[in-house]
Every structure is written in C-alpha cells, then in structure tokens.
Amino acid sequence: MQIQGEDHPLLIPDEELASLRSVKKLEVICEDVLPKKLSDIRRLMADLAPRWQPLSWQDFERTVLTLVYTSQMLAQMNNQHQKELWMDTLVQLVRAVQHDLRPS
C-alpha cells in the first residue's frame, strides 16, 4: 500500500494487508481525506483545539490516521528544522487523541 505525501510517499510493504478488500477503503481515506501537508495537518489541529465534546468517529479516525502518517513522515526527515516542525505536530496530535480518550 502506498500513500502519496507532500514530499515523500509512505509505503507499507505488507502483502497480506494489500490483499484485503477493506484496504481499498483505507487507501481512499488516506489519499482523499487525510491531510498530508504540514500546513494542512496544523490547520486540522487548529480546528480540533477549541472543542469541548468528544470527536465524531470520522474525526477521531482521521486524527489517528494522521498521527500515524505524521510519525512515518517524521521518521523519514533528515532536515533538523523540518524534523522539529513535524515532531511538534506529532505531539499535538497525540494530545488531541489523549484528550478525546479521557472520560468526561
């Protein structure tokens, strides 16, 4: 499975995963729904920050998948400044997921 990113594609070399029918749905979500540019991911975080209620299932799913995507992009970064920007964004995504998982 391959997800086109801003500068680097994310490749998940898993034949078993690729053989599943539900992967097509995941590919559509990853290609069409997930933000891939750092600026778009930060915009997503800004949209989620002022909320008081739990995320909808779609927003939670998008946030978790964006977190996974961000962690993979961070692992590929060589430029220290870019790495710090992606790390900051990753921390914000983790906090958003933690906030959502806390009991009300």
Protein backbone atom coordinates (compact mmCIF):
# COMPACT_ATOMS: atom_id res chain seq x y z
CA MET A 1 0.00 0.00 0.00
CA GLN A 2 1.38 3.42 -0.94
CA ILE A 3 0.15 6.83 0.21
CA GLN A 4 1.35 9.87 -1.69
CA GLY A 5 2.68 12.50 0.68
CA GLU A 6 3.82 16.08 0.31
CA ASP A 7 7.44 15.20 -0.46
CA HIS A 8 7.76 11.52 0.35
CA PRO A 9 5.39 8.64 -0.32
CA LEU A 10 4.51 6.40 2.60
CA LEU A 11 4.97 2.78 1.59
CA ILE A 12 3.55 -0.06 3.68
CA PRO A 13 5.02 -3.25 2.20
CA ASP A 14 2.55 -5.77 3.56
CA GLU A 15 1.20 -8.33 1.08
CA GLU A 16 -1.42 -9.64 3.49
CA LEU A 17 -2.73 -6.14 4.19
CA ALA A 18 -2.75 -5.31 0.48
CA SER A 19 -4.81 -8.43 -0.26
CA LEU A 20 -7.70 -7.35 1.97
CA ARG A 21 -10.73 -5.75 0.33
CA SER A 22 -11.03 -3.20 3.13
CA VAL A 23 -7.61 -1.84 2.16
CA LYS A 24 -9.22 -0.16 -0.85
CA LYS A 25 -11.42 1.83 1.54
CA LEU A 26 -8.35 2.67 3.65
CA GLU A 27 -6.48 3.78 0.52
CA VAL A 28 -9.34 6.11 -0.40
CA ILE A 29 -9.35 7.57 3.11
CA CYS A 30 -5.58 8.01 3.08
CA GLU A 31 -5.49 9.54 -0.38
CA ASP A 32 -8.59 11.72 -0.27
CA VAL A 33 -9.32 12.52 3.40
CA LEU A 34 -6.04 12.70 5.31
CA PRO A 35 -4.12 15.95 5.28
CA LYS A 36 -0.57 15.36 4.05
CA LYS A 37 0.99 18.79 4.05
CA LEU A 38 2.30 20.06 7.36
CA SER A 39 0.24 23.24 6.98
CA ASP A 40 -2.94 21.19 6.40
CA ILE A 41 -2.24 19.00 9.42
CA ARG A 42 -1.70 22.08 11.58
CA ARG A 43 -4.97 23.52 10.26
CA LEU A 44 -6.73 20.30 11.29
CA MET A 45 -5.24 20.67 14.77
CA ALA A 46 -6.39 24.29 15.00
CA ASP A 47 -9.91 23.19 14.05
CA LEU A 48 -9.91 20.49 16.74
CA ALA A 49 -8.34 22.58 19.53
CA PRO A 50 -11.38 24.60 20.70
CA ARG A 51 -13.72 21.60 21.02
CA TRP A 52 -15.37 20.59 24.28
CA GLN A 53 -17.12 17.46 23.08
CA PRO A 54 -15.60 14.14 22.01
CA LEU A 55 -14.66 13.84 18.37
CA SER A 56 -17.05 12.23 15.94
CA TRP A 57 -15.95 8.78 14.79
CA GLN A 58 -14.81 10.20 11.42
CA ASP A 59 -12.78 12.96 13.07
CA PHE A 60 -11.24 10.52 15.55
CA GLU A 61 -10.33 8.10 12.75
CA ARG A 62 -8.85 10.92 10.65
CA THR A 63 -6.86 12.22 13.63
CA VAL A 64 -5.41 8.81 14.49
CA LEU A 65 -4.53 8.05 10.86
CA THR A 66 -2.98 11.50 10.53
CA LEU A 67 -0.95 10.76 13.67
CA VAL A 68 0.34 7.54 12.10
CA TYR A 69 1.12 9.33 8.84
CA THR A 70 2.91 12.13 10.71
CA SER A 71 5.04 9.66 12.68
CA GLN A 72 6.07 7.95 9.45
CA MET A 73 6.95 11.28 7.84
CA LEU A 74 8.96 12.25 10.91
CA ALA A 75 10.98 9.04 10.61
CA GLN A 76 11.91 9.99 7.03
CA MET A 77 13.00 13.58 7.79
CA ASN A 78 16.67 14.47 7.53
CA ASN A 79 16.44 18.25 7.89
CA GLN A 80 16.54 19.12 11.62
CA HIS A 81 14.24 22.13 11.29
CA GLN A 82 11.63 20.11 9.37
CA LYS A 83 12.01 17.29 11.88
CA GLU A 84 11.24 19.68 14.75
CA LEU A 85 8.15 21.02 12.96
CA TRP A 86 6.83 17.51 12.31
CA MET A 87 7.65 16.46 15.90
CA ASP A 88 5.71 19.41 17.31
CA THR A 89 2.75 18.46 15.13
CA LEU A 90 3.00 14.82 16.20
CA VAL A 91 2.91 15.86 19.87
CA GLN A 92 -0.19 17.99 19.22
CA LEU A 93 -1.92 15.06 17.52
CA VAL A 94 -1.09 12.73 20.42
CA ARG A 95 -2.51 15.29 22.85
CA ALA A 96 -5.69 15.59 20.77
CA VAL A 97 -6.18 11.81 20.84
CA GLN A 98 -5.42 11.66 24.57
CA HIS A 99 -7.89 14.47 25.22
CA ASP A 100 -10.56 12.62 23.29
CA LEU A 101 -9.96 9.34 25.13
CA ARG A 102 -10.25 10.83 28.61
CA PRO A 103 -13.53 10.11 30.36
CA SER A 104 -15.88 13.08 30.52
